[in-house]
C-alpha cells in the first residue's frame, strides 16, 4: 500500500506582519510574504500558490480564530475589519496552499493589541 503522506511536500511557512495598535471599528492592514520554497528545498513558484489564509487568534498559536483573511493567488496587503474582534491581545499567523492542495505549516505568530476606543471627554451637566 502506498502512503500518500510520504509523497506530500509541506510548504515553507511564509511571514506575516502587521503594525501598531488600533481601536474598535477601525481597520488594520495585514501584510505577508509568500513562501518561495518547499521544506524539501524545491522552489515554490508564484503561479503554484493557490491562496494564503491569515488568521487572527485569541492565543499564541491556538485559541479561537476571530477573523480569517483569504488571499487568492498569494500575499498582498489586505485590510482587516476589526469591528467584530473582542478587546485584548491578538495573534496573527497564516498558511499557504499550493495548486496541488498541499498546505504549509503555520507561520510564526505575531502579536498585536486591540483596544476599544477610549471614551470621549467628560460632559459637564448643570
PDB file of N, CA and C in Angstrom:
ATOM      1  N   UNK A   1       0.838  -1.176   0.000  1.00  0.00           N
ATOM      2  CA  UNK A   1       0.000   0.000   0.000  1.00  0.00           C
ATOM      3  C   UNK A   1       0.884   1.241   0.000  1.00  0.00           C
ATOM      4  N   UNK A   2       0.583   2.185  -0.863  1.00  0.00           N
ATOM      5  CA  UNK A   2       1.347   3.425  -0.955  1.00  0.00           C
ATOM      6  C   UNK A   2       0.792   4.412   0.066  1.00  0.00           C
ATOM      7  N   UNK A   3       1.686   5.000   0.824  1.00  0.00           N
ATOM      8  CA  UNK A   3       1.273   6.004   1.794  1.00  0.00           C
ATOM      9  C   UNK A   3       1.410   7.376   1.161  1.00  0.00           C
ATOM     10  N   UNK A   4       0.305   8.040   0.975  1.00  0.00           N
ATOM     11  CA  UNK A   4       0.312   9.360   0.348  1.00  0.00           C
ATOM     12  C   UNK A   4       1.094  10.358   1.198  1.00  0.00           C
ATOM     13  N   UNK A   5       1.043  10.213   2.506  1.00  0.00           N
ATOM     14  CA  UNK A   5       1.756  11.149   3.376  1.00  0.00           C
ATOM     15  C   UNK A   5       3.232  11.196   3.008  1.00  0.00           C
ATOM     16  N   UNK A   6       3.805  10.055   2.615  1.00  0.00           N
ATOM     17  CA  UNK A   6       5.205  10.027   2.236  1.00  0.00           C
ATOM     18  C   UNK A   6       5.493  10.833   0.989  1.00  0.00           C
ATOM     19  N   UNK A   7       4.494  11.117   0.181  1.00  0.00           N
ATOM     20  CA  UNK A   7       4.676  11.874  -1.058  1.00  0.00           C
ATOM     21  C   UNK A   7       4.420  13.367  -0.889  1.00  0.00           C
ATOM     22  N   UNK A   8       3.768  13.752   0.189  1.00  0.00           N
ATOM     23  CA  UNK A   8       3.417  15.159   0.365  1.00  0.00           C
ATOM     24  C   UNK A   8       4.642  15.996   0.687  1.00  0.00           C
ATOM     25  N   UNK A   9       4.686  17.174   0.132  1.00  0.00           N
ATOM     26  CA  UNK A   9       5.733  18.136   0.442  1.00  0.00           C
ATOM     27  C   UNK A   9       5.080  19.320   1.123  1.00  0.00           C
ATOM     28  N   UNK A  10       5.437  19.546   2.368  1.00  0.00           N
ATOM     29  CA  UNK A  10       4.871  20.702   3.058  1.00  0.00           C
ATOM     30  C   UNK A  10       5.586  21.959   2.593  1.00  0.00           C
ATOM     31  N   UNK A  11       4.861  23.024   2.523  1.00  0.00           N
ATOM     32  CA  UNK A  11       5.419  24.295   2.092  1.00  0.00           C
ATOM     33  C   UNK A  11       6.097  24.991   3.262  1.00  0.00           C
ATOM     34  N   UNK A  12       7.142  25.722   2.970  1.00  0.00           N
ATOM     35  CA  UNK A  12       7.811  26.513   3.996  1.00  0.00           C
ATOM     36  C   UNK A  12       6.863  27.625   4.448  1.00  0.00           C
ATOM     37  N   UNK A  13       6.837  27.888   5.726  1.00  0.00           N
ATOM     38  CA  UNK A  13       5.965  28.946   6.248  1.00  0.00           C
ATOM     39  C   UNK A  13       6.308  30.297   5.656  1.00  0.00           C
ATOM     40  N   UNK A  14       5.264  31.105   5.486  1.00  0.00           N
ATOM     41  CA  UNK A  14       5.501  32.453   4.994  1.00  0.00           C
ATOM     42  C   UNK A  14       5.475  33.414   6.171  1.00  0.00           C
ATOM     43  N   UNK A  15       5.969  34.607   5.962  1.00  0.00           N
ATOM     44  CA  UNK A  15       5.978  35.613   7.018  1.00  0.00           C
ATOM     45  C   UNK A  15       4.690  36.412   7.024  1.00  0.00           C
ATOM     46  N   UNK A  16       4.230  36.789   8.192  1.00  0.00           N
ATOM     47  CA  UNK A  16       3.028  37.603   8.349  1.00  0.00           C
ATOM     48  C   UNK A  16       3.362  38.731   9.306  1.00  0.00           C
ATOM     49  N   UNK A  17       2.935  39.937   8.996  1.00  0.00           N
ATOM     50  CA  UNK A  17       3.166  41.024   9.936  1.00  0.00           C
ATOM     51  C   UNK A  17       2.076  42.080   9.858  1.00  0.00           C
ATOM     52  N   UNK A  18       1.955  42.837  10.915  1.00  0.00           N
ATOM     53  CA  UNK A  18       1.036  43.969  10.984  1.00  0.00           C
ATOM     54  C   UNK A  18       1.653  44.977  11.934  1.00  0.00           C
ATOM     55  N   UNK A  19       1.181  46.179  11.906  1.00  0.00           N
ATOM     56  CA  UNK A  19       1.817  47.223  12.690  1.00  0.00           C
ATOM     57  C   UNK A  19       0.823  47.958  13.582  1.00  0.00           C
ATOM     58  N   UNK A  20       1.283  48.322  14.774  1.00  0.00           N
ATOM     59  CA  UNK A  20       0.598  49.293  15.613  1.00  0.00           C
ATOM     60  C   UNK A  20      -0.637  48.822  16.341  1.00  0.00           C
ATOM     61  N   UNK A  21      -1.128  49.704  17.213  1.00  0.00           N
ATOM     62  CA  UNK A  21      -2.334  49.472  17.983  1.00  0.00           C
ATOM     63  C   UNK A  21      -3.511  50.101  17.244  1.00  0.00           C
ATOM     64  N   UNK A  22      -4.672  49.503  17.327  1.00  0.00           N
ATOM     65  CA  UNK A  22      -5.846  50.007  16.635  1.00  0.00           C
ATOM     66  C   UNK A  22      -7.027  50.075  17.604  1.00  0.00           C
ATOM     67  N   UNK A  23      -8.102  50.730  17.181  1.00  0.00           N
ATOM     68  CA  UNK A  23      -9.279  50.881  18.027  1.00  0.00           C
ATOM     69  C   UNK A  23     -10.501  50.295  17.356  1.00  0.00           C
ATOM     70  N   UNK A  24     -11.521  50.021  18.148  1.00  0.00           N
ATOM     71  CA  UNK A  24     -12.767  49.416  17.682  1.00  0.00           C
ATOM     72  C   UNK A  24     -13.329  50.150  16.469  1.00  0.00           C
ATOM     73  N   UNK A  25     -13.830  49.356  15.524  1.00  0.00           N
ATOM     74  CA  UNK A  25     -14.466  49.935  14.355  1.00  0.00           C
ATOM     75  C   UNK A  25     -13.483  50.294  13.264  1.00  0.00           C
ATOM     76  N   UNK A  26     -12.196  50.180  13.547  1.00  0.00           N
ATOM     77  CA  UNK A  26     -11.182  50.532  12.567  1.00  0.00           C
ATOM     78  C   UNK A  26     -10.777  49.348  11.714  1.00  0.00           C
ATOM     79  N   UNK A  27      -9.758  49.566  10.942  1.00  0.00           N
ATOM     80  CA  UNK A  27      -9.190  48.500  10.127  1.00  0.00           C
ATOM     81  C   UNK A  27      -7.687  48.463  10.347  1.00  0.00           C
ATOM     82  N   UNK A  28      -7.079  47.362  10.001  1.00  0.00           N
ATOM     83  CA  UNK A  28      -5.642  47.174  10.111  1.00  0.00           C
ATOM     84  C   UNK A  28      -5.183  46.568   8.804  1.00  0.00           C
ATOM     85  N   UNK A  29      -4.097  47.076   8.254  1.00  0.00           N
ATOM     86  CA  UNK A  29      -3.562  46.494   7.032  1.00  0.00           C
ATOM     87  C   UNK A  29      -2.644  45.341   7.401  1.00  0.00           C
ATOM     88  N   UNK A  30      -2.904  44.188   6.818  1.00  0.00           N
ATOM     89  CA  UNK A  30      -2.114  42.985   7.068  1.00  0.00           C
ATOM     90  C   UNK A  30      -1.241  42.733   5.849  1.00  0.00           C
ATOM     91  N   UNK A  31       0.029  42.494   6.087  1.00  0.00           N
ATOM     92  CA  UNK A  31       0.989  42.204   5.030  1.00  0.00           C
ATOM     93  C   UNK A  31       1.536  40.798   5.237  1.00  0.00           C
ATOM     94  N   UNK A  32       1.972  40.167   4.174  1.00  0.00           N
ATOM     95  CA  UNK A  32       2.665  38.890   4.315  1.00  0.00           C
ATOM     96  C   UNK A  32       3.651  38.734   3.167  1.00  0.00           C
ATOM     97  N   UNK A  33       4.510  37.760   3.283  1.00  0.00           N
ATOM     98  CA  UNK A  33       5.488  37.441   2.253  1.00  0.00           C
ATOM     99  C   UNK A  33       5.268  36.003   1.838  1.00  0.00           C
ATOM    100  N   UNK A  34       5.111  35.766   0.536  1.00  0.00           N
ATOM    101  CA  UNK A  34       4.876  34.403   0.054  1.00  0.00           C
ATOM    102  C   UNK A  34       6.064  33.482   0.331  1.00  0.00           C
ATOM    103  N   UNK A  35       5.744  32.242   0.596  1.00  0.00           N
ATOM    104  CA  UNK A  35       6.779  31.204   0.676  1.00  0.00           C
ATOM    105  C   UNK A  35       7.421  31.069  -0.701  1.00  0.00           C
ATOM    106  N   UNK A  36       8.711  30.743  -0.757  1.00  0.00           N
ATOM    107  CA  UNK A  36       9.416  30.605  -2.034  1.00  0.00           C
ATOM    108  C   UNK A  36       9.993  29.222  -2.255  1.00  0.00           C
ATOM    109  N   UNK A  37       9.938  28.378  -1.230  1.00  0.00           N
ATOM    110  CA  UNK A  37      10.411  27.003  -1.411  1.00  0.00           C
ATOM    111  C   UNK A  37       9.679  26.060  -0.480  1.00  0.00           C
ATOM    112  N   UNK A  38       9.714  24.802  -0.852  1.00  0.00           N
ATOM    113  CA  UNK A  38       9.103  23.754  -0.045  1.00  0.00           C
ATOM    114  C   UNK A  38      10.124  23.261   0.983  1.00  0.00           C
ATOM    115  N   UNK A  39       9.651  22.493   1.951  1.00  0.00           N
ATOM    116  CA  UNK A  39      10.549  22.017   3.001  1.00  0.00           C
ATOM    117  C   UNK A  39      11.637  21.090   2.471  1.00  0.00           C
ATOM    118  N   UNK A  40      11.438  20.507   1.285  1.00  0.00           N
ATOM    119  CA  UNK A  40      12.484  19.648   0.714  1.00  0.00           C
ATOM    120  C   UNK A  40      13.490  20.453  -0.109  1.00  0.00           C
ATOM    121  N   UNK A  41      13.330  21.788  -0.129  1.00  0.00           N
ATOM    122  CA  UNK A  41      14.265  22.656  -0.828  1.00  0.00           C
ATOM    123  C   UNK A  41      13.899  22.969  -2.269  1.00  0.00           C
ATOM    124  N   UNK A  42      12.867  22.313  -2.814  1.00  0.00           N
ATOM    125  CA  UNK A  42      12.474  22.618  -4.187  1.00  0.00           C
ATOM    126  C   UNK A  42      11.740  23.954  -4.225  1.00  0.00           C
ATOM    127  N   UNK A  43      11.882  24.702  -5.324  1.00  0.00           N
ATOM    128  CA  UNK A  43      11.253  26.023  -5.391  1.00  0.00           C
ATOM    129  C   UNK A  43       9.730  25.946  -5.435  1.00  0.00           C
ATOM    130  N   UNK A  44       9.105  26.931  -4.832  1.00  0.00           N
ATOM    131  CA  UNK A  44       7.662  27.116  -4.922  1.00  0.00           C
ATOM    132  C   UNK A  44       7.463  28.377  -5.749  1.00  0.00           C
ATOM    133  N   UNK A  45       7.007  28.207  -6.968  1.00  0.00           N
ATOM    134  CA  UNK A  45       6.838  29.332  -7.878  1.00  0.00           C
ATOM    135  C   UNK A  45       5.554  30.092  -7.550  1.00  0.00           C
ATOM    136  N   UNK A  46       5.540  31.405  -7.810  1.00  0.00           N
ATOM    137  CA  UNK A  46       4.331  32.199  -7.511  1.00  0.00           C
ATOM    138  C   UNK A  46       3.061  31.623  -8.140  1.00  0.00           C
ATOM    139  N   UNK A  47       3.163  31.088  -9.368  1.00  0.00           N
ATOM    140  CA  UNK A  47       1.971  30.540 -10.027  1.00  0.00           C
ATOM    141  C   UNK A  47       1.492  29.229  -9.398  1.00  0.00           C
ATOM    142  N   UNK A  48       2.286  28.643  -8.501  1.00  0.00           N
ATOM    143  CA  UNK A  48       1.881  27.424  -7.799  1.00  0.00           C
ATOM    144  C   UNK A  48       1.131  27.712  -6.500  1.00  0.00           C
ATOM    145  N   UNK A  49       1.046  28.978  -6.118  1.00  0.00           N
ATOM    146  CA  UNK A  49       0.343  29.345  -4.884  1.00  0.00           C
ATOM    147  C   UNK A  49      -1.127  29.562  -5.197  1.00  0.00           C
ATOM    148  N   UNK A  50      -1.970  28.737  -4.598  1.00  0.00           N
ATOM    149  CA  UNK A  50      -3.414  28.875  -4.796  1.00  0.00           C
ATOM    150  C   UNK A  50      -3.971  29.996  -3.930  1.00  0.00           C
ATOM    151  N   UNK A  51      -3.618  29.981  -2.631  1.00  0.00           N
ATOM    152  CA  UNK A  51      -4.129  31.006  -1.726  1.00  0.00           C
ATOM    153  C   UNK A  51      -3.297  31.024  -0.445  1.00  0.00           C
ATOM    154  N   UNK A  52      -3.439  32.125   0.248  1.00  0.00           N
ATOM    155  CA  UNK A  52      -2.866  32.298   1.577  1.00  0.00           C
ATOM    156  C   UNK A  52      -4.025  32.614   2.505  1.00  0.00           C
ATOM    157  N   UNK A  53      -4.022  32.027   3.689  1.00  0.00           N
ATOM    158  CA  UNK A  53      -5.034  32.321   4.699  1.00  0.00           C
ATOM    159  C   UNK A  53      -4.333  32.883   5.925  1.00  0.00           C
ATOM    160  N   UNK A  54      -4.776  34.050   6.373  1.00  0.00           N
ATOM    161  CA  UNK A  54      -4.242  34.699   7.568  1.00  0.00           C
ATOM    162  C   UNK A  54      -5.307  34.601   8.654  1.00  0.00           C
ATOM    163  N   UNK A  55      -4.890  34.202   9.846  1.00  0.00           N
ATOM    164  CA  UNK A  55      -5.817  34.026  10.968  1.00  0.00           C
ATOM    165  C   UNK A  55      -5.482  35.012  12.087  1.00  0.00           C
ATOM    166  N   UNK A  56      -6.516  35.581  12.712  1.00  0.00           N
ATOM    167  CA  UNK A  56      -6.355  36.375  13.930  1.00  0.00           C
ATOM    168  C   UNK A  56      -6.914  35.518  15.055  1.00  0.00           C
ATOM    169  N   UNK A  57      -6.059  35.225  16.037  1.00  0.00           N
ATOM    170  CA  UNK A  57      -6.422  34.315  17.131  1.00  0.00           C
ATOM    171  C   UNK A  57      -6.379  35.020  18.482  1.00  0.00           C
ATOM    172  N   UNK A  58      -7.020  34.381  19.458  1.00  0.00           N
ATOM    173  CA  UNK A  58      -7.039  34.924  20.808  1.00  0.00           C
ATOM    174  C   UNK A  58      -5.838  34.471  21.635  1.00  0.00           C
ATOM    175  N   UNK A  59      -5.136  33.431  21.195  1.00  0.00           N
ATOM    176  CA  UNK A  59      -3.964  32.933  21.913  1.00  0.00           C
ATOM    177  C   UNK A  59      -2.859  32.646  20.918  1.00  0.00           C
ATOM    178  N   UNK A  60      -1.635  32.707  21.378  1.00  0.00           N
ATOM    179  CA  UNK A  60      -0.469  32.473  20.537  1.00  0.00           C
ATOM    180  C   UNK A  60      -0.468  31.037  20.014  1.00  0.00           C
ATOM    181  N   UNK A  61      -0.630  30.864  18.697  1.00  0.00           N
ATOM    182  CA  UNK A  61      -0.590  29.547  18.078  1.00  0.00           C
ATOM    183  C   UNK A  61      -1.816  28.693  18.305  1.00  0.00           C
ATOM    184  N   UNK A  62      -2.808  29.209  19.008  1.00  0.00           N
ATOM    185  CA  UNK A  62      -4.005  28.414  19.297  1.00  0.00           C
ATOM    186  C   UNK A  62      -5.157  29.376  19.565  1.00  0.00           C
ATOM    187  N   UNK A  63      -6.141  28.899  20.257  1.00  0.00           N
ATOM    188  CA  UNK A  63      -7.251  29.767  20.639  1.00  0.00           C
ATOM    189  C   UNK A  63      -8.259  29.950  19.525  1.00  0.00           C
ATOM    190  N   UNK A  64      -9.274  30.685  19.837  1.00  0.00           N
ATOM    191  CA  UNK A  64     -10.366  30.952  18.910  1.00  0.00           C
ATOM    192  C   UNK A  64      -9.886  31.804  17.743  1.00  0.00           C
ATOM    193  N   UNK A  65     -10.267  31.418  16.527  1.00  0.00           N
ATOM    194  CA  UNK A  65      -9.989  32.245  15.352  1.00  0.00           C
ATOM    195  C   UNK A  65     -11.107  33.273  15.261  1.00  0.00           C
ATOM    196  N   UNK A  66     -10.763  34.554  15.445  1.00  0.00           N
ATOM    197  CA  UNK A  66     -11.757  35.620  15.416  1.00  0.00           C
ATOM    198  C   UNK A  66     -11.926  36.220  14.031  1.00  0.00           C
ATOM    199  N   UNK A  67     -10.947  36.033  13.165  1.00  0.00           N
ATOM    200  CA  UNK A  67     -11.038  36.577  11.811  1.00  0.00           C
ATOM    201  C   UNK A  67     -10.123  35.776  10.897  1.00  0.00           C
ATOM    202  N   UNK A  68     -10.529  35.636   9.643  1.00  0.00           N
ATOM    203  CA  UNK A  68      -9.726  34.970   8.620  1.00  0.00           C
ATOM    204  C   UNK A  68      -9.700  35.860   7.386  1.00  0.00           C
ATOM    205  N   UNK A  69      -8.510  36.047   6.826  1.00  0.00           N
ATOM    206  CA  UNK A  69      -8.363  36.804   5.585  1.00  0.00           C
ATOM    207  C   UNK A  69      -7.900  35.826   4.518  1.00  0.00           C
ATOM    208  N   UNK A  70      -8.632  35.762   3.406  1.00  0.00           N
ATOM    209  CA  UNK A  70      -8.254  34.906   2.286  1.00  0.00           C
ATOM    210  C   UNK A  70      -7.582  35.751   1.221  1.00  0.00           C
ATOM    211  N   UNK A  71      -6.426  35.298   0.752  1.00  0.00           N
ATOM    212  CA  UNK A  71      -5.679  35.999  -0.283  1.00  0.00           C
ATOM    213  C   UNK A  71      -5.488  35.064  -1.469  1.00  0.00           C
ATOM    214  N   UNK A  72      -6.429  35.030  -2.410  1.00  0.00           N
ATOM    215  CA  UNK A  72      -6.284  34.163  -3.574  1.00  0.00           C
ATOM    216  C   UNK A  72      -5.032  34.528  -4.372  1.00  0.00           C
ATOM    217  N   UNK A  73      -4.266  33.524  -4.778  1.00  0.00           N
ATOM    218  CA  UNK A  73      -3.090  33.756  -5.608  1.00  0.00           C
ATOM    219  C   UNK A  73      -1.852  34.192  -4.860  1.00  0.00           C
ATOM    220  N   UNK A  74      -1.909  34.368  -3.557  1.00  0.00           N
ATOM    221  CA  UNK A  74      -0.719  34.736  -2.796  1.00  0.00           C
ATOM    222  C   UNK A  74      -0.871  36.021  -2.013  1.00  0.00           C
ATOM    223  N   UNK A  75       0.215  36.408  -1.378  1.00  0.00           N
ATOM    224  CA  UNK A  75       0.226  37.557  -0.472  1.00  0.00           C
ATOM    225  C   UNK A  75       0.099  38.891  -1.191  1.00  0.00           C
ATOM    226  N   UNK A  76      -0.613  39.780  -0.551  1.00  0.00           N
ATOM    227  CA  UNK A  76      -0.690  41.182  -0.937  1.00  0.00           C
ATOM    228  C   UNK A  76      -1.299  41.912   0.261  1.00  0.00           C
ATOM    229  N   UNK A  77      -1.045  43.204   0.413  1.00  0.00           N
ATOM    230  CA  UNK A  77      -1.633  43.915   1.556  1.00  0.00           C
ATOM    231  C   UNK A  77      -3.162  43.827   1.522  1.00  0.00           C
ATOM    232  N   UNK A  78      -3.740  43.501   2.650  1.00  0.00           N
ATOM    233  CA  UNK A  78      -5.197  43.388   2.762  1.00  0.00           C
ATOM    234  C   UNK A  78      -5.649  44.123   4.014  1.00  0.00           C
ATOM    235  N   UNK A  79      -6.838  44.664   3.958  1.00  0.00           N
ATOM    236  CA  UNK A  79      -7.416  45.369   5.090  1.00  0.00           C
ATOM    237  C   UNK A  79      -8.224  44.393   5.941  1.00  0.00           C
ATOM    238  N   UNK A  80      -8.003  44.433   7.243  1.00  0.00           N
ATOM    239  CA  UNK A  80      -8.728  43.590   8.184  1.00  0.00           C
ATOM    240  C   UNK A  80      -9.706  44.460   8.954  1.00  0.00           C
ATOM    241  N   UNK A  81     -11.001  44.141   8.860  1.00  0.00           N
ATOM    242  CA  UNK A  81     -12.030  44.850   9.610  1.00  0.00           C
ATOM    243  C   UNK A  81     -11.986  44.357  11.051  1.00  0.00           C
ATOM    244  N   UNK A  82     -11.805  45.268  11.981  1.00  0.00           N
ATOM    245  CA  UNK A  82     -11.655  44.906  13.387  1.00  0.00           C
ATOM    246  C   UNK A  82     -12.943  44.986  14.186  1.00  0.00           C
ATOM    247  N   UNK A  83     -14.040  45.368  13.566  1.00  0.00           N
ATOM    248  CA  UNK A  83     -15.269  45.644  14.313  1.00  0.00           C
ATOM    249  C   UNK A  83     -15.828  44.428  15.043  1.00  0.00           C
ATOM    250  N   UNK A  84     -15.510  43.216  14.608  1.00  0.00           N
ATOM    251  CA  UNK A  84     -16.053  42.021  15.267  1.00  0.00           C
ATOM    252  C   UNK A  84     -15.096  41.384  16.265  1.00  0.00           C
ATOM    253  N   UNK A  85     -13.923  41.981  16.471  1.00  0.00           N
ATOM    254  CA  UNK A  85     -12.953  41.403  17.397  1.00  0.00           C
ATOM    255  C   UNK A  85     -13.284  41.773  18.836  1.00  0.00           C
ATOM    256  N   UNK A  86     -12.948  40.877  19.745  1.00  0.00           N
ATOM    257  CA  UNK A  86     -13.047  41.201  21.159  1.00  0.00           C
ATOM    258  C   UNK A  86     -11.794  41.984  21.554  1.00  0.00           C
ATOM    259  N   UNK A  87     -11.887  42.739  22.617  1.00  0.00           N
ATOM    260  CA  UNK A  87     -10.759  43.547  23.067  1.00  0.00           C
ATOM    261  C   UNK A  87      -9.667  42.659  23.659  1.00  0.00           C
ATOM    262  N   UNK A  88      -8.415  43.075  23.492  1.00  0.00           N
ATOM    263  CA  UNK A  88      -7.312  42.385  24.149  1.00  0.00           C
ATOM    264  C   UNK A  88      -6.188  41.996  23.210  1.00  0.00           C
ATOM    265  N   UNK A  89      -5.312  41.153  23.725  1.00  0.00           N
ATOM    266  CA  UNK A  89      -4.152  40.690  22.972  1.00  0.00           C
ATOM    267  C   UNK A  89      -4.598  39.746  21.857  1.00  0.00           C
ATOM    268  N   UNK A  90      -4.061  39.931  20.654  1.00  0.00           N
ATOM    269  CA  UNK A  90      -4.375  39.097  19.490  1.00  0.00           C
ATOM    270  C   UNK A  90      -3.073  38.598  18.879  1.00  0.00           C
ATOM    271  N   UNK A  91      -3.182  37.548  18.079  1.00  0.00           N
ATOM    272  CA  UNK A  91      -2.028  36.968  17.397  1.00  0.00           C
ATOM    273  C   UNK A  91      -2.423  36.654  15.960  1.00  0.00           C
ATOM    274  N   UNK A  92      -1.516  36.927  15.034  1.00  0.00           N
ATOM    275  CA  UNK A  92      -1.743  36.635  13.617  1.00  0.00           C
ATOM    276  C   UNK A  92      -0.778  35.552  13.168  1.00  0.00           C
ATOM    277  N   UNK A  93      -1.293  34.610  12.401  1.00  0.00           N
ATOM    278  CA  UNK A  93      -0.448  33.639  11.722  1.00  0.00           C
ATOM    279  C   UNK A  93      -1.128  33.275  10.418  1.00  0.00           C
ATOM    280  N   UNK A  94      -0.482  32.464   9.612  1.00  0.00           N
ATOM    281  CA  UNK A  94      -1.077  32.131   8.330  1.00  0.00           C
ATOM    282  C   UNK A  94      -0.512  30.847   7.749  1.00  0.00           C
ATOM    283  N   UNK A  95      -1.172  30.371   6.703  1.00  0.00           N
ATOM    284  CA  UNK A  95      -0.729  29.187   5.961  1.00  0.00           C
ATOM    285  C   UNK A  95      -0.836  29.472   4.467  1.00  0.00           C
ATOM    286  N   UNK A  96      -0.058  28.729   3.689  1.00  0.00           N
ATOM    287  CA  UNK A  96      -0.088  28.818   2.233  1.00  0.00           C
ATOM    288  C   UNK A  96      -0.596  27.495   1.679  1.00  0.00           C
ATOM    289  N   UNK A  97      -1.494  27.557   0.694  1.00  0.00           N
ATOM    290  CA  UNK A  97      -1.971  26.375  -0.028  1.00  0.00           C
ATOM    291  C   UNK A  97      -1.418  26.454  -1.442  1.00  0.00           C
ATOM    292  N   UNK A  98      -0.873  25.331  -1.942  1.00  0.00           N
ATOM    293  CA  UNK A  98      -0.425  25.356  -3.333  1.00  0.00           C
ATOM    294  C   UNK A  98      -1.510  24.769  -4.234  1.00  0.00           C
ATOM    295  N   UNK A  99      -1.294  24.817  -5.541  1.00  0.00           N
ATOM    296  CA  UNK A  99      -2.314  24.388  -6.507  1.00  0.00           C
ATOM    297  C   UNK A  99      -2.561  22.889  -6.471  1.00  0.00           C
ATOM    298  N   UNK A 100      -1.674  22.129  -5.824  1.00  0.00           N
ATOM    299  CA  UNK A 100      -1.875  20.687  -5.668  1.00  0.00           C
ATOM    300  C   UNK A 100      -2.619  20.363  -4.369  1.00  0.00           C
ATOM    301  N   UNK A 101      -2.995  21.407  -3.595  1.00  0.00           N
ATOM    302  CA  UNK A 101      -3.748  21.191  -2.370  1.00  0.00           C
ATOM    303  C   UNK A 101      -2.895  20.984  -1.133  1.00  0.00           C
ATOM    304  N   UNK A 102      -1.570  21.089  -1.260  1.00  0.00           N
ATOM    305  CA  UNK A 102      -0.704  20.932  -0.095  1.00  0.00           C
ATOM    306  C   UNK A 102      -0.716  22.214   0.717  1.00  0.00           C
ATOM    307  N   UNK A 103      -0.582  22.060   2.026  1.00  0.00           N
ATOM    308  CA  UNK A 103      -0.650  23.209   2.921  1.00  0.00           C
ATOM    309  C   UNK A 103       0.638  23.315   3.723  1.00  0.00           C
ATOM    310  N   UNK A 104       1.049  24.548   3.981  1.00  0.00           N
ATOM    311  CA  UNK A 104       2.269  24.786   4.758  1.00  0.00           C
ATOM    312  C   UNK A 104       1.993  24.637   6.242  1.00  0.00           C
ATOM    313  N   UNK A 105       3.078  24.621   6.996  1.00  0.00           N
ATOM    314  CA  UNK A 105       2.965  24.765   8.443  1.00  0.00           C
ATOM    315  C   UNK A 105       2.541  26.213   8.707  1.00  0.00           C
ATOM    316  N   UNK A 106       2.039  26.472   9.897  1.00  0.00           N
ATOM    317  CA  UNK A 106       1.663  27.849  10.243  1.00  0.00           C
ATOM    318  C   UNK A 106       2.902  28.719  10.342  1.00  0.00           C
ATOM    319  N   UNK A 107       2.756  29.966   9.917  1.00  0.00           N
ATOM    320  CA  UNK A 107       3.842  30.930  10.028  1.00  0.00           C
ATOM    321  C   UNK A 107       4.088  31.257  11.501  1.00  0.00           C
ATOM    322  N   UNK A 108       5.132  31.994  11.749  1.00  0.00           N
ATOM    323  CA  UNK A 108       5.394  32.499  13.087  1.00  0.00           C
ATOM    324  C   UNK A 108       4.218  33.386  13.494  1.00  0.00           C
ATOM    325  N   UNK A 109       3.810  33.270  14.730  1.00  0.00           N
ATOM    326  CA  UNK A 109       2.678  34.046  15.238  1.00  0.00           C
ATOM    327  C   UNK A 109       3.159  35.422  15.696  1.00  0.00           C
ATOM    328  N   UNK A 110       2.459  36.465  15.251  1.00  0.00           N
ATOM    329  CA  UNK A 110       2.821  37.834  15.620  1.00  0.00           C
ATOM    330  C   UNK A 110       1.736  38.471  16.475  1.00  0.00           C
ATOM    331  N   UNK A 111       2.126  39.076  17.593  1.00  0.00           N
ATOM    332  CA  UNK A 111       1.133  39.681  18.489  1.00  0.00           C
ATOM    333  C   UNK A 111       0.775  41.112  18.098  1.00  0.00           C
ATOM    334  N   UNK A 112      -0.427  41.511  18.421  1.00  0.00           N
ATOM    335  CA  UNK A 112      -0.822  42.922  18.407  1.00  0.00           C
ATOM    336  C   UNK A 112      -1.924  43.082  19.439  1.00  0.00           C
ATOM    337  N   UNK A 113      -2.092  44.288  19.928  1.00  0.00           N
ATOM    338  CA  UNK A 113      -3.097  44.542  20.945  1.00  0.00           C
ATOM    339  C   UNK A 113      -4.249  45.329  20.341  1.00  0.00           C
ATOM    340  N   UNK A 114      -5.446  44.873  20.604  1.00  0.00           N
ATOM    341  CA  UNK A 114      -6.652  45.552  20.123  1.00  0.00           C
ATOM    342  C   UNK A 114      -7.365  46.154  21.321  1.00  0.00           C
ATOM    343  N   UNK A 115      -7.497  47.472  21.325  1.00  0.00           N
ATOM    344  CA  UNK A 115      -8.170  48.178  22.413  1.00  0.00           C
ATOM    345  C   UNK A 115      -9.399  48.875  21.879  1.00  0.00           C
ATOM    346  N   UNK A 116     -10.414  48.904  22.695  1.00  0.00           N
ATOM    347  CA  UNK A 116     -11.608  49.659  22.314  1.00  0.00           C
ATOM    348  C   UNK A 116     -11.258  51.148  22.355  1.00  0.00           C
ATOM    349  N   UNK A 117     -11.967  51.919  21.568  1.00  0.00           N
ATOM    350  CA  UNK A 117     -11.706  53.358  21.521  1.00  0.00           C
ATOM    351  C   UNK A 117     -11.885  53.961  22.906  1.00  0.00           C
ATOM    352  N   UNK A 118     -10.989  54.851  23.285  1.00  0.00           N
ATOM    353  CA  UNK A 118     -11.150  55.483  24.600  1.00  0.00           C
ATOM    354  C   UNK A 118     -12.415  56.335  24.624  1.00  0.00           C
ATOM    355  N   UNK A 119     -13.022  56.480  25.797  1.00  0.00           N
ATOM    356  CA  UNK A 119     -14.229  57.309  25.866  1.00  0.00           C
ATOM    357  C   UNK A 119     -13.899  58.761  25.570  1.00  0.00           C
ATOM    358  N   UNK A 120     -14.899  59.490  25.107  1.00  0.00           N
ATOM    359  CA  UNK A 120     -14.715  60.911  24.841  1.00  0.00           C
ATOM    360  C   UNK A 120     -14.535  61.692  26.138  1.00  0.00           C
ATOM    361  N   UNK A 121     -14.314  62.999  26.032  1.00  0.00           N
ATOM    362  CA  UNK A 121     -14.132  63.809  27.252  1.00  0.00           C
ATOM    363  C   UNK A 121     -15.425  63.832  28.075  1.00  0.00           C
ATOM    364  N   UNK A 122     -15.288  64.028  29.378  1.00  0.00           N
ATOM    365  CA  UNK A 122     -16.485  64.081  30.215  1.00  0.00           C
ATOM    366  C   UNK A 122     -17.375  65.256  29.819  1.00  0.00           C
ATOM    367  N   UNK A 123     -18.666  65.058  29.966  1.00  0.00           N
ATOM    368  CA  UNK A 123     -19.640  66.105  29.645  1.00  0.00           C
ATOM    369  C   UNK A 123     -20.123  66.709  30.952  1.00  0.00           C
ATOM    370  N   UNK A 124     -20.043  68.024  31.025  1.00  0.00           N
ATOM    371  CA  UNK A 124     -20.487  68.737  32.231  1.00  0.00           C
ATOM    372  C   UNK A 124     -22.007  68.951  32.147  1.00  0.00           C
ATOM    373  N   UNK A 125     -22.692  68.658  33.212  1.00  0.00           N
ATOM    374  CA  UNK A 125     -24.139  68.930  33.289  1.00  0.00           C
ATOM    375  C   UNK A 125     -24.398  69.853  34.468  1.00  0.00           C
ATOM    376  N   UNK A 126     -25.463  70.596  34.361  1.00  0.00           N
ATOM    377  CA  UNK A 126     -25.816  71.522  35.452  1.00  0.00           C
ATOM    378  C   UNK A 126     -26.776  70.910  36.404  1.00  0.00           C
TER     379      UNK A 126
END
